[in-house]
């Protein structure tokens, strides 16, 4: 598992669109598996789960991205976590695919 947390400023919808397009256009096998959006008062939260095939690890990996903004014009918190890149039964080995998938996101910022 690999994790990256970042704080950004800008338009929430524009940043979410940049993430979706960047991930989907960054890999021929990437797909958006599901999405969830919440809004309450001025707070917004969006969750996206992507998946792609990892040639390095010969398996599929997922990337979960959460954006949270407490109120309009507040900084946007981004949390991204990858999973599924290990081939071992009891411990994590071969996590190259997870790290490469996460790198696609970090390159957008």
PDB file of N, CA and C in Angstrom:
ATOM      1  N   UNK A   1       0.841  -1.159   0.000  1.00  0.00           N
ATOM      2  CA  UNK A   1       0.000   0.000   0.000  1.00  0.00           C
ATOM      3  C   UNK A   1       0.894   1.232   0.000  1.00  0.00           C
ATOM      4  N   UNK A   2       0.515   2.208  -0.799  1.00  0.00           N
ATOM      5  CA  UNK A   2       1.217   3.484  -0.829  1.00  0.00           C
ATOM      6  C   UNK A   2       0.195   4.578  -0.551  1.00  0.00           C
ATOM      7  N   UNK A   3       0.640   5.639   0.131  1.00  0.00           N
ATOM      8  CA  UNK A   3      -0.275   6.715   0.497  1.00  0.00           C
ATOM      9  C   UNK A   3       0.377   8.056   0.235  1.00  0.00           C
ATOM     10  N   UNK A   4      -0.449   9.028  -0.200  1.00  0.00           N
ATOM     11  CA  UNK A   4       0.023  10.393  -0.431  1.00  0.00           C
ATOM     12  C   UNK A   4      -1.058  11.349   0.014  1.00  0.00           C
ATOM     13  N   UNK A   5      -0.693  12.328   0.824  1.00  0.00           N
ATOM     14  CA  UNK A   5      -1.632  13.357   1.250  1.00  0.00           C
ATOM     15  C   UNK A   5      -1.070  14.714   0.875  1.00  0.00           C
ATOM     16  N   UNK A   6      -1.974  15.596   0.443  1.00  0.00           N
ATOM     17  CA  UNK A   6      -1.546  16.874  -0.107  1.00  0.00           C
ATOM     18  C   UNK A   6      -2.647  17.901   0.137  1.00  0.00           C
ATOM     19  N   UNK A   7      -2.276  19.148   0.264  1.00  0.00           N
ATOM     20  CA  UNK A   7      -3.240  20.239   0.372  1.00  0.00           C
ATOM     21  C   UNK A   7      -3.103  21.115  -0.861  1.00  0.00           C
ATOM     22  N   UNK A   8      -4.231  21.423  -1.494  1.00  0.00           N
ATOM     23  CA  UNK A   8      -4.219  22.247  -2.702  1.00  0.00           C
ATOM     24  C   UNK A   8      -5.233  23.379  -2.554  1.00  0.00           C
ATOM     25  N   UNK A   9      -5.066  24.390  -3.364  1.00  0.00           N
ATOM     26  CA  UNK A   9      -6.027  25.491  -3.436  1.00  0.00           C
ATOM     27  C   UNK A   9      -6.534  25.575  -4.864  1.00  0.00           C
ATOM     28  N   UNK A  10      -7.761  25.996  -4.999  1.00  0.00           N
ATOM     29  CA  UNK A  10      -8.344  26.150  -6.324  1.00  0.00           C
ATOM     30  C   UNK A  10      -9.798  25.754  -6.305  1.00  0.00           C
ATOM     31  N   UNK A  11     -10.365  25.646  -7.478  1.00  0.00           N
ATOM     32  CA  UNK A  11     -11.760  25.262  -7.618  1.00  0.00           C
ATOM     33  C   UNK A  11     -11.904  23.748  -7.427  1.00  0.00           C
ATOM     34  N   UNK A  12     -12.751  23.350  -6.497  1.00  0.00           N
ATOM     35  CA  UNK A  12     -12.947  21.944  -6.153  1.00  0.00           C
ATOM     36  C   UNK A  12     -13.279  21.109  -7.393  1.00  0.00           C
ATOM     37  N   UNK A  13     -14.244  21.552  -8.174  1.00  0.00           N
ATOM     38  CA  UNK A  13     -14.673  20.798  -9.362  1.00  0.00           C
ATOM     39  C   UNK A  13     -13.560  20.695 -10.390  1.00  0.00           C
ATOM     40  N   UNK A  14     -12.807  21.773 -10.591  1.00  0.00           N
ATOM     41  CA  UNK A  14     -11.692  21.739 -11.545  1.00  0.00           C
ATOM     42  C   UNK A  14     -10.617  20.750 -11.107  1.00  0.00           C
ATOM     43  N   UNK A  15     -10.306  20.728  -9.820  1.00  0.00           N
ATOM     44  CA  UNK A  15      -9.285  19.807  -9.315  1.00  0.00           C
ATOM     45  C   UNK A  15      -9.762  18.364  -9.449  1.00  0.00           C
ATOM     46  N   UNK A  16     -11.013  18.102  -9.133  1.00  0.00           N
ATOM     47  CA  UNK A  16     -11.565  16.757  -9.277  1.00  0.00           C
ATOM     48  C   UNK A  16     -11.532  16.306 -10.740  1.00  0.00           C
ATOM     49  N   UNK A  17     -11.878  17.191 -11.639  1.00  0.00           N
ATOM     50  CA  UNK A  17     -11.836  16.869 -13.071  1.00  0.00           C
ATOM     51  C   UNK A  17     -10.412  16.607 -13.535  1.00  0.00           C
ATOM     52  N   UNK A  18      -9.453  17.402 -13.047  1.00  0.00           N
ATOM     53  CA  UNK A  18      -8.041  17.195 -13.400  1.00  0.00           C
ATOM     54  C   UNK A  18      -7.576  15.813 -12.951  1.00  0.00           C
ATOM     55  N   UNK A  19      -7.995  15.405 -11.748  1.00  0.00           N
ATOM     56  CA  UNK A  19      -7.617  14.087 -11.231  1.00  0.00           C
ATOM     57  C   UNK A  19      -8.225  12.985 -12.088  1.00  0.00           C
ATOM     58  N   UNK A  20      -9.527  13.055 -12.318  1.00  0.00           N
ATOM     59  CA  UNK A  20     -10.205  12.021 -13.112  1.00  0.00           C
ATOM     60  C   UNK A  20      -9.583  11.892 -14.496  1.00  0.00           C
ATOM     61  N   UNK A  21      -9.439  13.004 -15.193  1.00  0.00           N
ATOM     62  CA  UNK A  21      -8.874  12.960 -16.552  1.00  0.00           C
ATOM     63  C   UNK A  21      -7.423  12.506 -16.551  1.00  0.00           C
ATOM     64  N   UNK A  22      -6.648  13.002 -15.600  1.00  0.00           N
ATOM     65  CA  UNK A  22      -5.230  12.645 -15.548  1.00  0.00           C
ATOM     66  C   UNK A  22      -5.007  11.169 -15.299  1.00  0.00           C
ATOM     67  N   UNK A  23      -5.789  10.578 -14.409  1.00  0.00           N
ATOM     68  CA  UNK A  23      -5.636   9.150 -14.114  1.00  0.00           C
ATOM     69  C   UNK A  23      -6.113   8.306 -15.297  1.00  0.00           C
ATOM     70  N   UNK A  24      -7.272   8.638 -15.824  1.00  0.00           N
ATOM     71  CA  UNK A  24      -7.834   7.834 -16.919  1.00  0.00           C
ATOM     72  C   UNK A  24      -7.026   7.956 -18.206  1.00  0.00           C
ATOM     73  N   UNK A  25      -6.460   9.121 -18.458  1.00  0.00           N
ATOM     74  CA  UNK A  25      -5.642   9.311 -19.661  1.00  0.00           C
ATOM     75  C   UNK A  25      -4.203   8.859 -19.459  1.00  0.00           C
ATOM     76  N   UNK A  26      -3.814   8.597 -18.208  1.00  0.00           N
ATOM     77  CA  UNK A  26      -2.437   8.230 -17.900  1.00  0.00           C
ATOM     78  C   UNK A  26      -2.132   6.757 -18.049  1.00  0.00           C
ATOM     79  N   UNK A  27      -3.144   5.944 -18.301  1.00  0.00           N
ATOM     80  CA  UNK A  27      -2.929   4.505 -18.437  1.00  0.00           C
ATOM     81  C   UNK A  27      -4.015   3.918 -19.323  1.00  0.00           C
ATOM     82  N   UNK A  28      -3.617   3.101 -20.260  1.00  0.00           N
ATOM     83  CA  UNK A  28      -4.575   2.507 -21.189  1.00  0.00           C
ATOM     84  C   UNK A  28      -5.546   1.565 -20.484  1.00  0.00           C
ATOM     85  N   UNK A  29      -5.152   0.998 -19.352  1.00  0.00           N
ATOM     86  CA  UNK A  29      -6.019   0.045 -18.652  1.00  0.00           C
ATOM     87  C   UNK A  29      -6.749   0.662 -17.454  1.00  0.00           C
ATOM     88  N   UNK A  30      -6.572   1.968 -17.211  1.00  0.00           N
ATOM     89  CA  UNK A  30      -7.210   2.606 -16.060  1.00  0.00           C
ATOM     90  C   UNK A  30      -8.706   2.771 -16.274  1.00  0.00           C
ATOM     91  N   UNK A  31      -9.455   2.563 -15.181  1.00  0.00           N
ATOM     92  CA  UNK A  31     -10.906   2.756 -15.227  1.00  0.00           C
ATOM     93  C   UNK A  31     -11.362   3.384 -13.916  1.00  0.00           C
ATOM     94  N   UNK A  32     -12.459   4.124 -13.992  1.00  0.00           N
ATOM     95  CA  UNK A  32     -13.087   4.668 -12.805  1.00  0.00           C
ATOM     96  C   UNK A  32     -14.099   3.639 -12.347  1.00  0.00           C
ATOM     97  N   UNK A  33     -13.839   3.009 -11.214  1.00  0.00           N
ATOM     98  CA  UNK A  33     -14.692   1.923 -10.728  1.00  0.00           C
ATOM     99  C   UNK A  33     -15.951   2.429 -10.041  1.00  0.00           C
ATOM    100  N   UNK A  34     -15.824   3.506  -9.266  1.00  0.00           N
ATOM    101  CA  UNK A  34     -16.996   4.075  -8.614  1.00  0.00           C
ATOM    102  C   UNK A  34     -16.665   5.467  -8.097  1.00  0.00           C
ATOM    103  N   UNK A  35     -17.722   6.237  -7.783  1.00  0.00           N
ATOM    104  CA  UNK A  35     -17.567   7.606  -7.315  1.00  0.00           C
ATOM    105  C   UNK A  35     -18.642   7.910  -6.286  1.00  0.00           C
ATOM    106  N   UNK A  36     -18.309   8.809  -5.373  1.00  0.00           N
ATOM    107  CA  UNK A  36     -19.263   9.240  -4.361  1.00  0.00           C
ATOM    108  C   UNK A  36     -19.001  10.707  -4.056  1.00  0.00           C
ATOM    109  N   UNK A  37     -20.074  11.483  -3.947  1.00  0.00           N
ATOM    110  CA  UNK A  37     -19.958  12.916  -3.686  1.00  0.00           C
ATOM    111  C   UNK A  37     -20.934  13.313  -2.582  1.00  0.00           C
ATOM    112  N   UNK A  38     -20.447  14.129  -1.639  1.00  0.00           N
ATOM    113  CA  UNK A  38     -21.267  14.630  -0.542  1.00  0.00           C
ATOM    114  C   UNK A  38     -21.105  16.137  -0.447  1.00  0.00           C
ATOM    115  N   UNK A  39     -22.177  16.801  -0.068  1.00  0.00           N
ATOM    116  CA  UNK A  39     -22.130  18.226   0.189  1.00  0.00           C
ATOM    117  C   UNK A  39     -23.038  18.505   1.381  1.00  0.00           C
ATOM    118  N   UNK A  40     -22.535  19.277   2.347  1.00  0.00           N
ATOM    119  CA  UNK A  40     -23.328  19.622   3.521  1.00  0.00           C
ATOM    120  C   UNK A  40     -22.931  21.032   3.942  1.00  0.00           C
ATOM    121  N   UNK A  41     -23.864  21.949   3.819  1.00  0.00           N
ATOM    122  CA  UNK A  41     -23.521  23.342   4.084  1.00  0.00           C
ATOM    123  C   UNK A  41     -22.486  23.777   3.066  1.00  0.00           C
ATOM    124  N   UNK A  42     -21.352  24.244   3.522  1.00  0.00           N
ATOM    125  CA  UNK A  42     -20.280  24.625   2.607  1.00  0.00           C
ATOM    126  C   UNK A  42     -19.235  23.542   2.416  1.00  0.00           C
ATOM    127  N   UNK A  43     -19.363  22.428   3.123  1.00  0.00           N
ATOM    128  CA  UNK A  43     -18.370  21.355   3.041  1.00  0.00           C
ATOM    129  C   UNK A  43     -18.649  20.447   1.840  1.00  0.00           C
ATOM    130  N   UNK A  44     -17.563  19.985   1.211  1.00  0.00           N
ATOM    131  CA  UNK A  44     -17.666  19.056   0.081  1.00  0.00           C
ATOM    132  C   UNK A  44     -16.680  17.919   0.266  1.00  0.00           C
ATOM    133  N   UNK A  45     -17.105  16.727  -0.146  1.00  0.00           N
ATOM    134  CA  UNK A  45     -16.240  15.557  -0.099  1.00  0.00           C
ATOM    135  C   UNK A  45     -16.521  14.697  -1.326  1.00  0.00           C
ATOM    136  N   UNK A  46     -15.488  14.328  -2.040  1.00  0.00           N
ATOM    137  CA  UNK A  46     -15.613  13.446  -3.199  1.00  0.00           C
ATOM    138  C   UNK A  46     -14.626  12.302  -3.065  1.00  0.00           C
ATOM    139  N   UNK A  47     -15.098  11.108  -3.377  1.00  0.00           N
ATOM    140  CA  UNK A  47     -14.266   9.906  -3.340  1.00  0.00           C
ATOM    141  C   UNK A  47     -14.306   9.274  -4.728  1.00  0.00           C
ATOM    142  N   UNK A  48     -13.132   8.891  -5.234  1.00  0.00           N
ATOM    143  CA  UNK A  48     -13.028   8.203  -6.517  1.00  0.00           C
ATOM    144  C   UNK A  48     -12.167   6.962  -6.325  1.00  0.00           C
ATOM    145  N   UNK A  49     -12.600   5.855  -6.912  1.00  0.00           N
ATOM    146  CA  UNK A  49     -11.827   4.617  -6.864  1.00  0.00           C
ATOM    147  C   UNK A  49     -11.500   4.218  -8.297  1.00  0.00           C
ATOM    148  N   UNK A  50     -10.217   4.196  -8.589  1.00  0.00           N
ATOM    149  CA  UNK A  50      -9.714   3.827  -9.908  1.00  0.00           C
ATOM    150  C   UNK A  50      -9.052   2.458  -9.826  1.00  0.00           C
ATOM    151  N   UNK A  51      -8.954   1.800 -10.965  1.00  0.00           N
ATOM    152  CA  UNK A  51      -8.265   0.520 -11.034  1.00  0.00           C
ATOM    153  C   UNK A  51      -7.515   0.462 -12.359  1.00  0.00           C
ATOM    154  N   UNK A  52      -6.403  -0.249 -12.349  1.00  0.00           N
ATOM    155  CA  UNK A  52      -5.664  -0.470 -13.596  1.00  0.00           C
ATOM    156  C   UNK A  52      -4.840  -1.740 -13.481  1.00  0.00           C
ATOM    157  N   UNK A  53      -4.424  -2.241 -14.624  1.00  0.00           N
ATOM    158  CA  UNK A  53      -3.544  -3.403 -14.662  1.00  0.00           C
ATOM    159  C   UNK A  53      -2.108  -2.932 -14.521  1.00  0.00           C
ATOM    160  N   UNK A  54      -1.348  -3.596 -13.678  1.00  0.00           N
ATOM    161  CA  UNK A  54       0.057  -3.278 -13.476  1.00  0.00           C
ATOM    162  C   UNK A  54       0.908  -4.296 -14.225  1.00  0.00           C
ATOM    163  N   UNK A  55       1.577  -3.853 -15.278  1.00  0.00           N
ATOM    164  CA  UNK A  55       2.455  -4.747 -16.024  1.00  0.00           C
ATOM    165  C   UNK A  55       3.662  -5.158 -15.189  1.00  0.00           C
ATOM    166  N   UNK A  56       4.139  -4.226 -14.347  1.00  0.00           N
ATOM    167  CA  UNK A  56       5.290  -4.542 -13.496  1.00  0.00           C
ATOM    168  C   UNK A  56       4.983  -5.657 -12.510  1.00  0.00           C
ATOM    169  N   UNK A  57       3.799  -5.612 -11.919  1.00  0.00           N
ATOM    170  CA  UNK A  57       3.439  -6.596 -10.910  1.00  0.00           C
ATOM    171  C   UNK A  57       2.592  -7.737 -11.436  1.00  0.00           C
ATOM    172  N   UNK A  58       2.179  -7.660 -12.705  1.00  0.00           N
ATOM    173  CA  UNK A  58       1.305  -8.663 -13.322  1.00  0.00           C
ATOM    174  C   UNK A  58       0.028  -8.877 -12.502  1.00  0.00           C
ATOM    175  N   UNK A  59      -0.581  -7.761 -12.075  1.00  0.00           N
ATOM    176  CA  UNK A  59      -1.817  -7.831 -11.301  1.00  0.00           C
ATOM    177  C   UNK A  59      -2.575  -6.514 -11.449  1.00  0.00           C
ATOM    178  N   UNK A  60      -3.740  -6.432 -10.839  1.00  0.00           N
ATOM    179  CA  UNK A  60      -4.523  -5.204 -10.863  1.00  0.00           C
ATOM    180  C   UNK A  60      -4.312  -4.456  -9.551  1.00  0.00           C
ATOM    181  N   UNK A  61      -4.274  -3.131  -9.639  1.00  0.00           N
ATOM    182  CA  UNK A  61      -4.115  -2.289  -8.464  1.00  0.00           C
ATOM    183  C   UNK A  61      -5.233  -1.251  -8.446  1.00  0.00           C
ATOM    184  N   UNK A  62      -5.570  -0.803  -7.253  1.00  0.00           N
ATOM    185  CA  UNK A  62      -6.593   0.225  -7.127  1.00  0.00           C
ATOM    186  C   UNK A  62      -5.986   1.480  -6.514  1.00  0.00           C
ATOM    187  N   UNK A  63      -6.639   2.606  -6.810  1.00  0.00           N
ATOM    188  CA  UNK A  63      -6.246   3.905  -6.274  1.00  0.00           C
ATOM    189  C   UNK A  63      -7.511   4.585  -5.782  1.00  0.00           C
ATOM    190  N   UNK A  64      -7.577   4.847  -4.489  1.00  0.00           N
ATOM    191  CA  UNK A  64      -8.710   5.567  -3.896  1.00  0.00           C
ATOM    192  C   UNK A  64      -8.277   6.994  -3.628  1.00  0.00           C
ATOM    193  N   UNK A  65      -9.049   7.950  -4.128  1.00  0.00           N
ATOM    194  CA  UNK A  65      -8.737   9.365  -3.970  1.00  0.00           C
ATOM    195  C   UNK A  65      -9.896  10.043  -3.255  1.00  0.00           C
ATOM    196  N   UNK A  66      -9.593  10.773  -2.194  1.00  0.00           N
ATOM    197  CA  UNK A  66     -10.600  11.538  -1.465  1.00  0.00           C
ATOM    198  C   UNK A  66     -10.202  13.006  -1.477  1.00  0.00           C
ATOM    199  N   UNK A  67     -11.152  13.862  -1.854  1.00  0.00           N
ATOM    200  CA  UNK A  67     -10.986  15.307  -1.763  1.00  0.00           C
ATOM    201  C   UNK A  67     -11.965  15.813  -0.715  1.00  0.00           C
ATOM    202  N   UNK A  68     -11.491  16.720   0.156  1.00  0.00           N
ATOM    203  CA  UNK A  68     -12.360  17.293   1.171  1.00  0.00           C
ATOM    204  C   UNK A  68     -12.085  18.779   1.289  1.00  0.00           C
ATOM    205  N   UNK A  69     -13.170  19.550   1.306  1.00  0.00           N
ATOM    206  CA  UNK A  69     -13.073  21.001   1.509  1.00  0.00           C
ATOM    207  C   UNK A  69     -14.103  21.393   2.557  1.00  0.00           C
ATOM    208  N   UNK A  70     -13.661  22.004   3.662  1.00  0.00           N
ATOM    209  CA  UNK A  70     -14.544  22.310   4.790  1.00  0.00           C
ATOM    210  C   UNK A  70     -15.540  23.413   4.463  1.00  0.00           C
ATOM    211  N   UNK A  71     -15.141  24.367   3.644  1.00  0.00           N
ATOM    212  CA  UNK A  71     -16.023  25.459   3.237  1.00  0.00           C
ATOM    213  C   UNK A  71     -15.463  26.083   1.970  1.00  0.00           C
ATOM    214  N   UNK A  72     -16.294  26.822   1.277  1.00  0.00           N
ATOM    215  CA  UNK A  72     -15.864  27.460   0.029  1.00  0.00           C
ATOM    216  C   UNK A  72     -14.610  28.295   0.275  1.00  0.00           C
ATOM    217  N   UNK A  73     -13.699  28.253  -0.654  1.00  0.00           N
ATOM    218  CA  UNK A  73     -12.429  28.982  -0.606  1.00  0.00           C
ATOM    219  C   UNK A  73     -11.441  28.460   0.435  1.00  0.00           C
ATOM    220  N   UNK A  74     -11.792  27.421   1.174  1.00  0.00           N
ATOM    221  CA  UNK A  74     -10.847  26.806   2.112  1.00  0.00           C
ATOM    222  C   UNK A  74      -9.897  25.895   1.335  1.00  0.00           C
ATOM    223  N   UNK A  75      -8.739  25.586   1.905  1.00  0.00           N
ATOM    224  CA  UNK A  75      -7.843  24.627   1.238  1.00  0.00           C
ATOM    225  C   UNK A  75      -8.557  23.288   1.034  1.00  0.00           C
ATOM    226  N   UNK A  76      -8.153  22.581   0.010  1.00  0.00           N
ATOM    227  CA  UNK A  76      -8.722  21.272  -0.309  1.00  0.00           C
ATOM    228  C   UNK A  76      -7.723  20.210   0.120  1.00  0.00           C
ATOM    229  N   UNK A  77      -8.181  19.278   0.921  1.00  0.00           N
ATOM    230  CA  UNK A  77      -7.334  18.171   1.386  1.00  0.00           C
ATOM    231  C   UNK A  77      -7.509  17.008   0.429  1.00  0.00           C
ATOM    232  N   UNK A  78      -6.396  16.445   0.021  1.00  0.00           N
ATOM    233  CA  UNK A  78      -6.394  15.311  -0.896  1.00  0.00           C
ATOM    234  C   UNK A  78      -5.704  14.147  -0.203  1.00  0.00           C
ATOM    235  N   UNK A  79      -6.352  13.003  -0.222  1.00  0.00           N
ATOM    236  CA  UNK A  79      -5.751  11.788   0.311  1.00  0.00           C
ATOM    237  C   UNK A  79      -5.876  10.705  -0.751  1.00  0.00           C
ATOM    238  N   UNK A  80      -4.766  10.054  -1.062  1.00  0.00           N
ATOM    239  CA  UNK A  80      -4.762   8.994  -2.079  1.00  0.00           C
ATOM    240  C   UNK A  80      -4.072   7.760  -1.512  1.00  0.00           C
ATOM    241  N   UNK A  81      -4.730   6.611  -1.671  1.00  0.00           N
ATOM    242  CA  UNK A  81      -4.196   5.355  -1.148  1.00  0.00           C
ATOM    243  C   UNK A  81      -4.339   4.278  -2.220  1.00  0.00           C
ATOM    244  N   UNK A  82      -3.257   3.555  -2.468  1.00  0.00           N
ATOM    245  CA  UNK A  82      -3.289   2.458  -3.428  1.00  0.00           C
ATOM    246  C   UNK A  82      -3.376   1.132  -2.693  1.00  0.00           C
ATOM    247  N   UNK A  83      -3.832   0.113  -3.414  1.00  0.00           N
ATOM    248  CA  UNK A  83      -3.939  -1.215  -2.816  1.00  0.00           C
ATOM    249  C   UNK A  83      -3.957  -2.261  -3.925  1.00  0.00           C
ATOM    250  N   UNK A  84      -3.641  -3.491  -3.536  1.00  0.00           N
ATOM    251  CA  UNK A  84      -3.792  -4.611  -4.449  1.00  0.00           C
ATOM    252  C   UNK A  84      -2.554  -5.004  -5.221  1.00  0.00           C
ATOM    253  N   UNK A  85      -1.425  -4.371  -4.959  1.00  0.00           N
ATOM    254  CA  UNK A  85      -0.251  -4.634  -5.761  1.00  0.00           C
ATOM    255  C   UNK A  85       0.624  -5.773  -5.300  1.00  0.00           C
ATOM    256  N   UNK A  86       0.271  -6.432  -4.227  1.00  0.00           N
ATOM    257  CA  UNK A  86       1.124  -7.487  -3.699  1.00  0.00           C
ATOM    258  C   UNK A  86       0.737  -8.844  -4.265  1.00  0.00           C
ATOM    259  N   UNK A  87       1.729  -9.709  -4.418  1.00  0.00           N
ATOM    260  CA  UNK A  87       1.473 -11.061  -4.914  1.00  0.00           C
ATOM    261  C   UNK A  87       1.628 -12.115  -3.823  1.00  0.00           C
ATOM    262  N   UNK A  88       2.025 -11.706  -2.633  1.00  0.00           N
ATOM    263  CA  UNK A  88       2.238 -12.667  -1.546  1.00  0.00           C
ATOM    264  C   UNK A  88       0.948 -12.914  -0.775  1.00  0.00           C
ATOM    265  N   UNK A  89       0.897 -14.048  -0.093  1.00  0.00           N
ATOM    266  CA  UNK A  89      -0.313 -14.393   0.653  1.00  0.00           C
ATOM    267  C   UNK A  89      -0.343 -13.756   2.040  1.00  0.00           C
ATOM    268  N   UNK A  90       0.794 -13.692   2.732  1.00  0.00           N
ATOM    269  CA  UNK A  90       0.781 -13.242   4.115  1.00  0.00           C
ATOM    270  C   UNK A  90       1.521 -11.934   4.370  1.00  0.00           C
ATOM    271  N   UNK A  91       2.275 -11.419   3.425  1.00  0.00           N
ATOM    272  CA  UNK A  91       2.974 -10.160   3.619  1.00  0.00           C
ATOM    273  C   UNK A  91       3.126  -9.474   2.276  1.00  0.00           C
ATOM    274  N   UNK A  92       3.461  -8.184   2.309  1.00  0.00           N
ATOM    275  CA  UNK A  92       3.514  -7.376   1.097  1.00  0.00           C
ATOM    276  C   UNK A  92       4.875  -7.496   0.413  1.00  0.00           C
ATOM    277  N   UNK A  93       4.846  -7.954  -0.819  1.00  0.00           N
ATOM    278  CA  UNK A  93       6.023  -7.882  -1.684  1.00  0.00           C
ATOM    279  C   UNK A  93       5.554  -7.368  -3.028  1.00  0.00           C
ATOM    280  N   UNK A  94       6.465  -6.878  -3.821  1.00  0.00           N
ATOM    281  CA  UNK A  94       6.164  -6.449  -5.175  1.00  0.00           C
ATOM    282  C   UNK A  94       5.069  -5.382  -5.194  1.00  0.00           C
ATOM    283  N   UNK A  95       5.349  -4.227  -4.607  1.00  0.00           N
ATOM    284  CA  UNK A  95       4.377  -3.129  -4.595  1.00  0.00           C
ATOM    285  C   UNK A  95       4.688  -2.074  -5.657  1.00  0.00           C
ATOM    286  N   UNK A  96       5.461  -2.431  -6.669  1.00  0.00           N
ATOM    287  CA  UNK A  96       5.837  -1.475  -7.720  1.00  0.00           C
ATOM    288  C   UNK A  96       4.613  -0.898  -8.419  1.00  0.00           C
ATOM    289  N   UNK A  97       3.648  -1.731  -8.697  1.00  0.00           N
ATOM    290  CA  UNK A  97       2.457  -1.275  -9.406  1.00  0.00           C
ATOM    291  C   UNK A  97       1.686  -0.231  -8.631  1.00  0.00           C
ATOM    292  N   UNK A  98       1.594  -0.403  -7.324  1.00  0.00           N
ATOM    293  CA  UNK A  98       0.903   0.570  -6.483  1.00  0.00           C
ATOM    294  C   UNK A  98       1.633   1.912  -6.519  1.00  0.00           C
ATOM    295  N   UNK A  99       2.933   1.869  -6.353  1.00  0.00           N
ATOM    296  CA  UNK A  99       3.718   3.099  -6.336  1.00  0.00           C
ATOM    297  C   UNK A  99       3.670   3.814  -7.682  1.00  0.00           C
ATOM    298  N   UNK A 100       3.690   3.077  -8.775  1.00  0.00           N
ATOM    299  CA  UNK A 100       3.617   3.676 -10.104  1.00  0.00           C
ATOM    300  C   UNK A 100       2.248   4.310 -10.347  1.00  0.00           C
ATOM    301  N   UNK A 101       1.192   3.684  -9.858  1.00  0.00           N
ATOM    302  CA  UNK A 101      -0.153   4.225 -10.013  1.00  0.00           C
ATOM    303  C   UNK A 101      -0.283   5.536  -9.226  1.00  0.00           C
ATOM    304  N   UNK A 102       0.230   5.554  -8.015  1.00  0.00           N
ATOM    305  CA  UNK A 102       0.182   6.753  -7.190  1.00  0.00           C
ATOM    306  C   UNK A 102       0.995   7.881  -7.828  1.00  0.00           C
ATOM    307  N   UNK A 103       2.094   7.528  -8.456  1.00  0.00           N
ATOM    308  CA  UNK A 103       2.931   8.531  -9.109  1.00  0.00           C
ATOM    309  C   UNK A 103       2.177   9.265 -10.221  1.00  0.00           C
ATOM    310  N   UNK A 104       1.270   8.567 -10.911  1.00  0.00           N
ATOM    311  CA  UNK A 104       0.451   9.216 -11.946  1.00  0.00           C
ATOM    312  C   UNK A 104      -0.347  10.373 -11.353  1.00  0.00           C
ATOM    313  N   UNK A 105      -0.834  10.184 -10.128  1.00  0.00           N
ATOM    314  CA  UNK A 105      -1.597  11.246  -9.464  1.00  0.00           C
ATOM    315  C   UNK A 105      -0.676  12.389  -9.030  1.00  0.00           C
ATOM    316  N   UNK A 106       0.446  12.071  -8.400  1.00  0.00           N
ATOM    317  CA  UNK A 106       1.328  13.115  -7.890  1.00  0.00           C
ATOM    318  C   UNK A 106       1.883  13.984  -9.022  1.00  0.00           C
ATOM    319  N   UNK A 107       2.022  13.412 -10.213  1.00  0.00           N
ATOM    320  CA  UNK A 107       2.504  14.182 -11.363  1.00  0.00           C
ATOM    321  C   UNK A 107       1.517  15.280 -11.781  1.00  0.00           C
ATOM    322  N   UNK A 108       0.258  15.154 -11.391  1.00  0.00           N
ATOM    323  CA  UNK A 108      -0.759  16.149 -11.747  1.00  0.00           C
ATOM    324  C   UNK A 108      -0.637  17.418 -10.903  1.00  0.00           C
ATOM    325  N   UNK A 109       0.136  17.346  -9.819  1.00  0.00           N
ATOM    326  CA  UNK A 109       0.276  18.481  -8.913  1.00  0.00           C
ATOM    327  C   UNK A 109       1.701  18.885  -8.845  1.00  0.00           C
TER     328      UNK A 109
END
